[in-house]
Amino acid sequence: ILFKGSNFIDALSEVDTVVFDKTG
């Protein structure tokens, strides 16, 4: 898992909605 910055660690920890593409 590659985080492009520690700011995205904070951001992902707050996620409560996940949206997926389908194909691939």
mmCIF file of all heavy atoms, coordinates in Angstrom:
data_MODEL
# 
_entry.id   MODEL 
# 
loop_
_atom_site.group_PDB 
_atom_site.id 
_atom_site.type_symbol 
_atom_site.label_atom_id 
_atom_site.label_alt_id 
_atom_site.label_comp_id 
_atom_site.label_asym_id 
_atom_site.label_entity_id 
_atom_site.label_seq_id 
_atom_site.pdbx_PDB_ins_code 
_atom_site.Cartn_x 
_atom_site.Cartn_y 
_atom_site.Cartn_z 
_atom_site.occupancy 
_atom_site.B_iso_or_equiv 
_atom_site.pdbx_formal_charge 
_atom_site.auth_seq_id 
_atom_site.auth_comp_id 
_atom_site.auth_asym_id 
_atom_site.auth_atom_id 
_atom_site.pdbx_PDB_model_num 
ATOM 1   N N   . ILE A 1 1  ? 0.866   -1.183 0.000   1.00 0.00 ? 1  ILE A N   1 
ATOM 2   C CA  . ILE A 1 1  ? 0.000   0.000  0.000   1.00 0.00 ? 1  ILE A CA  1 
ATOM 3   C C   . ILE A 1 1  ? 0.900   1.228  0.000   1.00 0.00 ? 1  ILE A C   1 
ATOM 4   O O   . ILE A 1 1  ? 1.737   1.384  0.896   1.00 0.00 ? 1  ILE A O   1 
ATOM 5   C CB  . ILE A 1 1  ? -0.904  0.031  1.250   1.00 0.00 ? 1  ILE A CB  1 
ATOM 6   C CG1 . ILE A 1 1  ? -1.732  -1.248 1.350   1.00 0.00 ? 1  ILE A CG1 1 
ATOM 7   C CG2 . ILE A 1 1  ? -1.806  1.262  1.234   1.00 0.00 ? 1  ILE A CG2 1 
ATOM 8   C CD1 . ILE A 1 1  ? -2.316  -1.483 2.734   1.00 0.00 ? 1  ILE A CD1 1 
ATOM 9   N N   . LEU A 1 2  ? 0.741   2.094  -0.992  1.00 0.00 ? 2  LEU A N   1 
ATOM 10  C CA  . LEU A 1 2  ? 1.558   3.297  -1.077  1.00 0.00 ? 2  LEU A CA  1 
ATOM 11  C C   . LEU A 1 2  ? 0.722   4.527  -0.776  1.00 0.00 ? 2  LEU A C   1 
ATOM 12  O O   . LEU A 1 2  ? -0.217  4.851  -1.505  1.00 0.00 ? 2  LEU A O   1 
ATOM 13  C CB  . LEU A 1 2  ? 2.164   3.434  -2.482  1.00 0.00 ? 2  LEU A CB  1 
ATOM 14  C CG  . LEU A 1 2  ? 3.214   2.401  -2.872  1.00 0.00 ? 2  LEU A CG  1 
ATOM 15  C CD1 . LEU A 1 2  ? 3.692   2.678  -4.290  1.00 0.00 ? 2  LEU A CD1 1 
ATOM 16  C CD2 . LEU A 1 2  ? 4.379   2.401  -1.911  1.00 0.00 ? 2  LEU A CD2 1 
ATOM 17  N N   . PHE A 1 3  ? 1.050   5.204  0.323   1.00 0.00 ? 3  PHE A N   1 
ATOM 18  C CA  . PHE A 1 3  ? 0.434   6.492  0.637   1.00 0.00 ? 3  PHE A CA  1 
ATOM 19  C C   . PHE A 1 3  ? 1.325   7.580  0.077   1.00 0.00 ? 3  PHE A C   1 
ATOM 20  O O   . PHE A 1 3  ? 2.533   7.593  0.323   1.00 0.00 ? 3  PHE A O   1 
ATOM 21  C CB  . PHE A 1 3  ? 0.296   6.674  2.153   1.00 0.00 ? 3  PHE A CB  1 
ATOM 22  C CG  . PHE A 1 3  ? -0.779  5.827  2.783   1.00 0.00 ? 3  PHE A CG  1 
ATOM 23  C CD1 . PHE A 1 3  ? -0.455  4.660  3.436   1.00 0.00 ? 3  PHE A CD1 1 
ATOM 24  C CD2 . PHE A 1 3  ? -2.101  6.208  2.699   1.00 0.00 ? 3  PHE A CD2 1 
ATOM 25  C CE1 . PHE A 1 3  ? -1.445  3.870  4.006   1.00 0.00 ? 3  PHE A CE1 1 
ATOM 26  C CE2 . PHE A 1 3  ? -3.103  5.424  3.269   1.00 0.00 ? 3  PHE A CE2 1 
ATOM 27  C CZ  . PHE A 1 3  ? -2.770  4.258  3.930   1.00 0.00 ? 3  PHE A CZ  1 
ATOM 28  N N   . LYS A 1 4  ? 0.746   8.520  -0.671  1.00 0.00 ? 4  LYS A N   1 
ATOM 29  C CA  . LYS A 1 4  ? 1.543   9.581  -1.264  1.00 0.00 ? 4  LYS A CA  1 
ATOM 30  C C   . LYS A 1 4  ? 1.804   10.726 -0.289  1.00 0.00 ? 4  LYS A C   1 
ATOM 31  O O   . LYS A 1 4  ? 2.327   11.764 -0.675  1.00 0.00 ? 4  LYS A O   1 
ATOM 32  C CB  . LYS A 1 4  ? 0.861   10.105 -2.530  1.00 0.00 ? 4  LYS A CB  1 
ATOM 33  C CG  . LYS A 1 4  ? 0.829   9.083  -3.649  1.00 0.00 ? 4  LYS A CG  1 
ATOM 34  C CD  . LYS A 1 4  ? 0.327   9.701  -4.924  1.00 0.00 ? 4  LYS A CD  1 
ATOM 35  C CE  . LYS A 1 4  ? 0.304   8.708  -6.068  1.00 0.00 ? 4  LYS A CE  1 
ATOM 36  N NZ  . LYS A 1 4  ? -0.228  9.303  -7.304  1.00 0.00 ? 4  LYS A NZ  1 
ATOM 37  N N   . GLY A 1 5  ? 1.459   10.553 0.949   1.00 0.00 ? 5  GLY A N   1 
ATOM 38  C CA  . GLY A 1 5  ? 1.715   11.546 1.991   1.00 0.00 ? 5  GLY A CA  1 
ATOM 39  C C   . GLY A 1 5  ? 1.004   11.154 3.262   1.00 0.00 ? 5  GLY A C   1 
ATOM 40  O O   . GLY A 1 5  ? -0.012  10.452 3.226   1.00 0.00 ? 5  GLY A O   1 
ATOM 41  N N   . SER A 1 6  ? 1.538   11.589 4.415   1.00 0.00 ? 6  SER A N   1 
ATOM 42  C CA  . SER A 1 6  ? 0.889   11.243 5.674   1.00 0.00 ? 6  SER A CA  1 
ATOM 43  C C   . SER A 1 6  ? -0.464  11.937 5.810   1.00 0.00 ? 6  SER A C   1 
ATOM 44  O O   . SER A 1 6  ? -1.313  11.501 6.588   1.00 0.00 ? 6  SER A O   1 
ATOM 45  C CB  . SER A 1 6  ? 1.793   11.605 6.854   1.00 0.00 ? 6  SER A CB  1 
ATOM 46  O OG  . SER A 1 6  ? 2.207   12.960 6.790   1.00 0.00 ? 6  SER A OG  1 
ATOM 47  N N   . ASN A 1 7  ? -0.687  13.018 5.038   1.00 0.00 ? 7  ASN A N   1 
ATOM 48  C CA  . ASN A 1 7  ? -2.003  13.660 5.056   1.00 0.00 ? 7  ASN A CA  1 
ATOM 49  C C   . ASN A 1 7  ? -3.090  12.715 4.551   1.00 0.00 ? 7  ASN A C   1 
ATOM 50  O O   . ASN A 1 7  ? -4.244  12.784 4.998   1.00 0.00 ? 7  ASN A O   1 
ATOM 51  C CB  . ASN A 1 7  ? -1.988  14.946 4.223   1.00 0.00 ? 7  ASN A CB  1 
ATOM 52  C CG  . ASN A 1 7  ? -1.424  14.752 2.831   1.00 0.00 ? 7  ASN A CG  1 
ATOM 53  O OD1 . ASN A 1 7  ? -0.515  13.956 2.632   1.00 0.00 ? 7  ASN A OD1 1 
ATOM 54  N ND2 . ASN A 1 7  ? -1.942  15.470 1.856   1.00 0.00 ? 7  ASN A ND2 1 
ATOM 55  N N   . PHE A 1 8  ? -2.730  11.799 3.663   1.00 0.00 ? 8  PHE A N   1 
ATOM 56  C CA  . PHE A 1 8  ? -3.727  10.856 3.145   1.00 0.00 ? 8  PHE A CA  1 
ATOM 57  C C   . PHE A 1 8  ? -3.989  9.714  4.129   1.00 0.00 ? 8  PHE A C   1 
ATOM 58  O O   . PHE A 1 8  ? -5.011  9.033  4.022   1.00 0.00 ? 8  PHE A O   1 
ATOM 59  C CB  . PHE A 1 8  ? -3.293  10.323 1.784   1.00 0.00 ? 8  PHE A CB  1 
ATOM 60  C CG  . PHE A 1 8  ? -3.140  11.418 0.746   1.00 0.00 ? 8  PHE A CG  1 
ATOM 61  C CD1 . PHE A 1 8  ? -1.933  11.621 0.102   1.00 0.00 ? 8  PHE A CD1 1 
ATOM 62  C CD2 . PHE A 1 8  ? -4.197  12.265 0.458   1.00 0.00 ? 8  PHE A CD2 1 
ATOM 63  C CE1 . PHE A 1 8  ? -1.786  12.636 -0.832  1.00 0.00 ? 8  PHE A CE1 1 
ATOM 64  C CE2 . PHE A 1 8  ? -4.061  13.285 -0.475  1.00 0.00 ? 8  PHE A CE2 1 
ATOM 65  C CZ  . PHE A 1 8  ? -2.859  13.472 -1.114  1.00 0.00 ? 8  PHE A CZ  1 
ATOM 66  N N   . ILE A 1 9  ? -3.068  9.500  5.069   1.00 0.00 ? 9  ILE A N   1 
ATOM 67  C CA  . ILE A 1 9  ? -3.349  8.562  6.159   1.00 0.00 ? 9  ILE A CA  1 
ATOM 68  C C   . ILE A 1 9  ? -4.489  9.116  7.002   1.00 0.00 ? 9  ILE A C   1 
ATOM 69  O O   . ILE A 1 9  ? -5.451  8.411  7.328   1.00 0.00 ? 9  ILE A O   1 
ATOM 70  C CB  . ILE A 1 9  ? -2.094  8.336  7.019   1.00 0.00 ? 9  ILE A CB  1 
ATOM 71  C CG1 . ILE A 1 9  ? -1.037  7.583  6.214   1.00 0.00 ? 9  ILE A CG1 1 
ATOM 72  C CG2 . ILE A 1 9  ? -2.429  7.590  8.303   1.00 0.00 ? 9  ILE A CG2 1 
ATOM 73  C CD1 . ILE A 1 9  ? 0.283   7.381  6.949   1.00 0.00 ? 9  ILE A CD1 1 
ATOM 74  N N   . ASP A 1 10 ? -4.403  10.395 7.353   1.00 0.00 ? 10 ASP A N   1 
ATOM 75  C CA  . ASP A 1 10 ? -5.482  11.037 8.105   1.00 0.00 ? 10 ASP A CA  1 
ATOM 76  C C   . ASP A 1 10 ? -6.792  10.985 7.323   1.00 0.00 ? 10 ASP A C   1 
ATOM 77  O O   . ASP A 1 10 ? -7.855  10.669 7.869   1.00 0.00 ? 10 ASP A O   1 
ATOM 78  C CB  . ASP A 1 10 ? -5.133  12.496 8.398   1.00 0.00 ? 10 ASP A CB  1 
ATOM 79  C CG  . ASP A 1 10 ? -4.282  12.648 9.652   1.00 0.00 ? 10 ASP A CG  1 
ATOM 80  O OD1 . ASP A 1 10 ? -3.850  11.613 10.200  1.00 0.00 ? 10 ASP A OD1 1 
ATOM 81  O OD2 . ASP A 1 10 ? -4.046  13.794 10.075  1.00 0.00 ? 10 ASP A OD2 1 
ATOM 82  N N   . ALA A 1 11 ? -6.721  11.312 6.037   1.00 0.00 ? 11 ALA A N   1 
ATOM 83  C CA  . ALA A 1 11 ? -7.933  11.371 5.220   1.00 0.00 ? 11 ALA A CA  1 
ATOM 84  C C   . ALA A 1 11 ? -8.603  10.003 5.104   1.00 0.00 ? 11 ALA A C   1 
ATOM 85  O O   . ALA A 1 11 ? -9.824  9.887  5.269   1.00 0.00 ? 11 ALA A O   1 
ATOM 86  C CB  . ALA A 1 11 ? -7.602  11.923 3.834   1.00 0.00 ? 11 ALA A CB  1 
ATOM 87  N N   . LEU A 1 12 ? -7.828  8.958  4.826   1.00 0.00 ? 12 LEU A N   1 
ATOM 88  C CA  . LEU A 1 12 ? -8.420  7.627  4.659   1.00 0.00 ? 12 LEU A CA  1 
ATOM 89  C C   . LEU A 1 12 ? -8.997  7.102  5.970   1.00 0.00 ? 12 LEU A C   1 
ATOM 90  O O   . LEU A 1 12 ? -9.982  6.360  5.961   1.00 0.00 ? 12 LEU A O   1 
ATOM 91  C CB  . LEU A 1 12 ? -7.374  6.648  4.112   1.00 0.00 ? 12 LEU A CB  1 
ATOM 92  C CG  . LEU A 1 12 ? -7.900  5.284  3.650   1.00 0.00 ? 12 LEU A CG  1 
ATOM 93  C CD1 . LEU A 1 12 ? -8.933  5.444  2.538   1.00 0.00 ? 12 LEU A CD1 1 
ATOM 94  C CD2 . LEU A 1 12 ? -6.766  4.385  3.172   1.00 0.00 ? 12 LEU A CD2 1 
ATOM 95  N N   . SER A 1 13 ? -8.406  7.492  7.092   1.00 0.00 ? 13 SER A N   1 
ATOM 96  C CA  . SER A 1 13 ? -8.922  7.032  8.380   1.00 0.00 ? 13 SER A CA  1 
ATOM 97  C C   . SER A 1 13 ? -10.316 7.586  8.673   1.00 0.00 ? 13 SER A C   1 
ATOM 98  O O   . SER A 1 13 ? -11.047 7.039  9.496   1.00 0.00 ? 13 SER A O   1 
ATOM 99  C CB  . SER A 1 13 ? -7.965  7.428  9.507   1.00 0.00 ? 13 SER A CB  1 
ATOM 100 O OG  . SER A 1 13 ? -7.994  8.828  9.739   1.00 0.00 ? 13 SER A OG  1 
ATOM 101 N N   . GLU A 1 14 ? -10.688 8.691  8.005   1.00 0.00 ? 14 GLU A N   1 
ATOM 102 C CA  . GLU A 1 14 ? -11.991 9.326  8.229   1.00 0.00 ? 14 GLU A CA  1 
ATOM 103 C C   . GLU A 1 14 ? -13.055 8.866  7.232   1.00 0.00 ? 14 GLU A C   1 
ATOM 104 O O   . GLU A 1 14 ? -14.217 9.268  7.335   1.00 0.00 ? 14 GLU A O   1 
ATOM 105 C CB  . GLU A 1 14 ? -11.852 10.854 8.121   1.00 0.00 ? 14 GLU A CB  1 
ATOM 106 C CG  . GLU A 1 14 ? -10.866 11.472 9.103   1.00 0.00 ? 14 GLU A CG  1 
ATOM 107 C CD  . GLU A 1 14 ? -11.304 11.290 10.545  1.00 0.00 ? 14 GLU A CD  1 
ATOM 108 O OE1 . GLU A 1 14 ? -12.524 11.307 10.787  1.00 0.00 ? 14 GLU A OE1 1 
ATOM 109 O OE2 . GLU A 1 14 ? -10.435 11.116 11.419  1.00 0.00 ? 14 GLU A OE2 1 
ATOM 110 N N   . VAL A 1 15 ? -12.678 8.022  6.273   1.00 0.00 ? 15 VAL A N   1 
ATOM 111 C CA  . VAL A 1 15 ? -13.608 7.624  5.208   1.00 0.00 ? 15 VAL A CA  1 
ATOM 112 C C   . VAL A 1 15 ? -14.754 6.775  5.761   1.00 0.00 ? 15 VAL A C   1 
ATOM 113 O O   . VAL A 1 15 ? -14.523 5.810  6.493   1.00 0.00 ? 15 VAL A O   1 
ATOM 114 C CB  . VAL A 1 15 ? -12.851 6.848  4.097   1.00 0.00 ? 15 VAL A CB  1 
ATOM 115 C CG1 . VAL A 1 15 ? -13.811 6.082  3.204   1.00 0.00 ? 15 VAL A CG1 1 
ATOM 116 C CG2 . VAL A 1 15 ? -12.010 7.810  3.270   1.00 0.00 ? 15 VAL A CG2 1 
ATOM 117 N N   . ASP A 1 16 ? -15.982 7.166  5.416   1.00 0.00 ? 16 ASP A N   1 
ATOM 118 C CA  . ASP A 1 16 ? -17.149 6.355  5.795   1.00 0.00 ? 16 ASP A CA  1 
ATOM 119 C C   . ASP A 1 16 ? -17.976 5.937  4.580   1.00 0.00 ? 16 ASP A C   1 
ATOM 120 O O   . ASP A 1 16 ? -18.947 5.201  4.700   1.00 0.00 ? 16 ASP A O   1 
ATOM 121 C CB  . ASP A 1 16 ? -18.034 7.095  6.797   1.00 0.00 ? 16 ASP A CB  1 
ATOM 122 C CG  . ASP A 1 16 ? -18.564 8.426  6.255   1.00 0.00 ? 16 ASP A CG  1 
ATOM 123 O OD1 . ASP A 1 16 ? -18.157 8.822  5.144   1.00 0.00 ? 16 ASP A OD1 1 
ATOM 124 O OD2 . ASP A 1 16 ? -19.361 9.072  6.953   1.00 0.00 ? 16 ASP A OD2 1 
ATOM 125 N N   . THR A 1 17 ? -17.576 6.425  3.391   1.00 0.00 ? 17 THR A N   1 
ATOM 126 C CA  . THR A 1 17 ? -18.249 6.048  2.145   1.00 0.00 ? 17 THR A CA  1 
ATOM 127 C C   . THR A 1 17 ? -17.192 5.665  1.112   1.00 0.00 ? 17 THR A C   1 
ATOM 128 O O   . THR A 1 17 ? -16.251 6.428  0.883   1.00 0.00 ? 17 THR A O   1 
ATOM 129 C CB  . THR A 1 17 ? -19.097 7.217  1.600   1.00 0.00 ? 17 THR A CB  1 
ATOM 130 O OG1 . THR A 1 17 ? -20.084 7.570  2.569   1.00 0.00 ? 17 THR A OG1 1 
ATOM 131 C CG2 . THR A 1 17 ? -19.790 6.825  0.297   1.00 0.00 ? 17 THR A CG2 1 
ATOM 132 N N   . VAL A 1 18 ? -17.361 4.490  0.516   1.00 0.00 ? 18 VAL A N   1 
ATOM 133 C CA  . VAL A 1 18 ? -16.420 4.029  -0.510  1.00 0.00 ? 18 VAL A CA  1 
ATOM 134 C C   . VAL A 1 18 ? -17.167 3.802  -1.814  1.00 0.00 ? 18 VAL A C   1 
ATOM 135 O O   . VAL A 1 18 ? -18.199 3.124  -1.833  1.00 0.00 ? 18 VAL A O   1 
ATOM 136 C CB  . VAL A 1 18 ? -15.713 2.729  -0.083  1.00 0.00 ? 18 VAL A CB  1 
ATOM 137 C CG1 . VAL A 1 18 ? -14.863 2.189  -1.231  1.00 0.00 ? 18 VAL A CG1 1 
ATOM 138 C CG2 . VAL A 1 18 ? -14.835 2.966  1.137   1.00 0.00 ? 18 VAL A CG2 1 
ATOM 139 N N   . VAL A 1 19 ? -16.649 4.395  -2.873  1.00 0.00 ? 19 VAL A N   1 
ATOM 140 C CA  . VAL A 1 19 ? -17.241 4.279  -4.202  1.00 0.00 ? 19 VAL A CA  1 
ATOM 141 C C   . VAL A 1 19 ? -16.284 3.481  -5.083  1.00 0.00 ? 19 VAL A C   1 
ATOM 142 O O   . VAL A 1 19 ? -15.094 3.792  -5.145  1.00 0.00 ? 19 VAL A O   1 
ATOM 143 C CB  . VAL A 1 19 ? -17.489 5.665  -4.818  1.00 0.00 ? 19 VAL A CB  1 
ATOM 144 C CG1 . VAL A 1 19 ? -18.123 5.529  -6.199  1.00 0.00 ? 19 VAL A CG1 1 
ATOM 145 C CG2 . VAL A 1 19 ? -18.374 6.508  -3.907  1.00 0.00 ? 19 VAL A CG2 1 
ATOM 146 N N   . PHE A 1 20 ? -16.817 2.459  -5.749  1.00 0.00 ? 20 PHE A N   1 
ATOM 147 C CA  . PHE A 1 20 ? -15.989 1.600  -6.597  1.00 0.00 ? 20 PHE A CA  1 
ATOM 148 C C   . PHE A 1 20 ? -16.331 1.797  -8.063  1.00 0.00 ? 20 PHE A C   1 
ATOM 149 O O   . PHE A 1 20 ? -17.494 1.956  -8.428  1.00 0.00 ? 20 PHE A O   1 
ATOM 150 C CB  . PHE A 1 20 ? -16.229 0.125  -6.278  1.00 0.00 ? 20 PHE A CB  1 
ATOM 151 C CG  . PHE A 1 20 ? -15.745 -0.312 -4.923  1.00 0.00 ? 20 PHE A CG  1 
ATOM 152 C CD1 . PHE A 1 20 ? -16.624 -0.383 -3.851  1.00 0.00 ? 20 PHE A CD1 1 
ATOM 153 C CD2 . PHE A 1 20 ? -14.421 -0.667 -4.723  1.00 0.00 ? 20 PHE A CD2 1 
ATOM 154 C CE1 . PHE A 1 20 ? -16.197 -0.792 -2.604  1.00 0.00 ? 20 PHE A CE1 1 
ATOM 155 C CE2 . PHE A 1 20 ? -13.980 -1.079 -3.480  1.00 0.00 ? 20 PHE A CE2 1 
ATOM 156 C CZ  . PHE A 1 20 ? -14.871 -1.140 -2.416  1.00 0.00 ? 20 PHE A CZ  1 
ATOM 157 N N   . ASP A 1 21 ? -15.304 1.784  -8.890  1.00 0.00 ? 21 ASP A N   1 
ATOM 158 C CA  . ASP A 1 21 ? -15.491 1.506  -10.306 1.00 0.00 ? 21 ASP A CA  1 
ATOM 159 C C   . ASP A 1 21 ? -15.750 0.004  -10.408 1.00 0.00 ? 21 ASP A C   1 
ATOM 160 O O   . ASP A 1 21 ? -15.489 -0.741 -9.465  1.00 0.00 ? 21 ASP A O   1 
ATOM 161 C CB  . ASP A 1 21 ? -14.227 1.896  -11.075 1.00 0.00 ? 21 ASP A CB  1 
ATOM 162 C CG  . ASP A 1 21 ? -14.309 1.533  -12.546 1.00 0.00 ? 21 ASP A CG  1 
ATOM 163 O OD1 . ASP A 1 21 ? -15.357 1.791  -13.154 1.00 0.00 ? 21 ASP A OD1 1 
ATOM 164 O OD2 . ASP A 1 21 ? -13.328 0.955  -13.057 1.00 0.00 ? 21 ASP A OD2 1 
ATOM 165 N N   . LYS A 1 22 ? -16.285 -0.451 -11.537 1.00 0.00 ? 22 LYS A N   1 
ATOM 166 C CA  . LYS A 1 22 ? -16.588 -1.883 -11.653 1.00 0.00 ? 22 LYS A CA  1 
ATOM 167 C C   . LYS A 1 22 ? -15.473 -2.641 -12.367 1.00 0.00 ? 22 LYS A C   1 
ATOM 168 O O   . LYS A 1 22 ? -14.786 -3.470 -11.770 1.00 0.00 ? 22 LYS A O   1 
ATOM 169 C CB  . LYS A 1 22 ? -17.914 -2.093 -12.388 1.00 0.00 ? 22 LYS A CB  1 
ATOM 170 C CG  . LYS A 1 22 ? -18.290 -3.580 -12.551 1.00 0.00 ? 22 LYS A CG  1 
ATOM 171 C CD  . LYS A 1 22 ? -19.539 -3.744 -13.384 1.00 0.00 ? 22 LYS A CD  1 
ATOM 172 C CE  . LYS A 1 22 ? -19.291 -3.486 -14.844 1.00 0.00 ? 22 LYS A CE  1 
ATOM 173 N NZ  . LYS A 1 22 ? -18.409 -4.513 -15.483 1.00 0.00 ? 22 LYS A NZ  1 
ATOM 174 N N   . THR A 1 23 ? -15.279 -2.342 -13.626 1.00 0.00 ? 23 THR A N   1 
ATOM 175 C CA  . THR A 1 23 ? -14.369 -3.131 -14.455 1.00 0.00 ? 23 THR A CA  1 
ATOM 176 C C   . THR A 1 23 ? -12.918 -2.946 -14.032 1.00 0.00 ? 23 THR A C   1 
ATOM 177 O O   . THR A 1 23 ? -12.419 -1.824 -13.995 1.00 0.00 ? 23 THR A O   1 
ATOM 178 C CB  . THR A 1 23 ? -14.528 -2.750 -15.934 1.00 0.00 ? 23 THR A CB  1 
ATOM 179 O OG1 . THR A 1 23 ? -15.886 -2.885 -16.311 1.00 0.00 ? 23 THR A OG1 1 
ATOM 180 C CG2 . THR A 1 23 ? -13.667 -3.638 -16.807 1.00 0.00 ? 23 THR A CG2 1 
ATOM 181 N N   . GLY A 1 24 ? -12.251 -4.029 -13.701 1.00 0.00 ? 24 GLY A N   1 
ATOM 182 C CA  . GLY A 1 24 ? -10.865 -3.981 -13.285 1.00 0.00 ? 24 GLY A CA  1 
ATOM 183 C C   . GLY A 1 24 ? -10.674 -3.671 -11.817 1.00 0.00 ? 24 GLY A C   1 
ATOM 184 O O   . GLY A 1 24 ? -9.568  -3.784 -11.305 1.00 0.00 ? 24 GLY A O   1 
# 
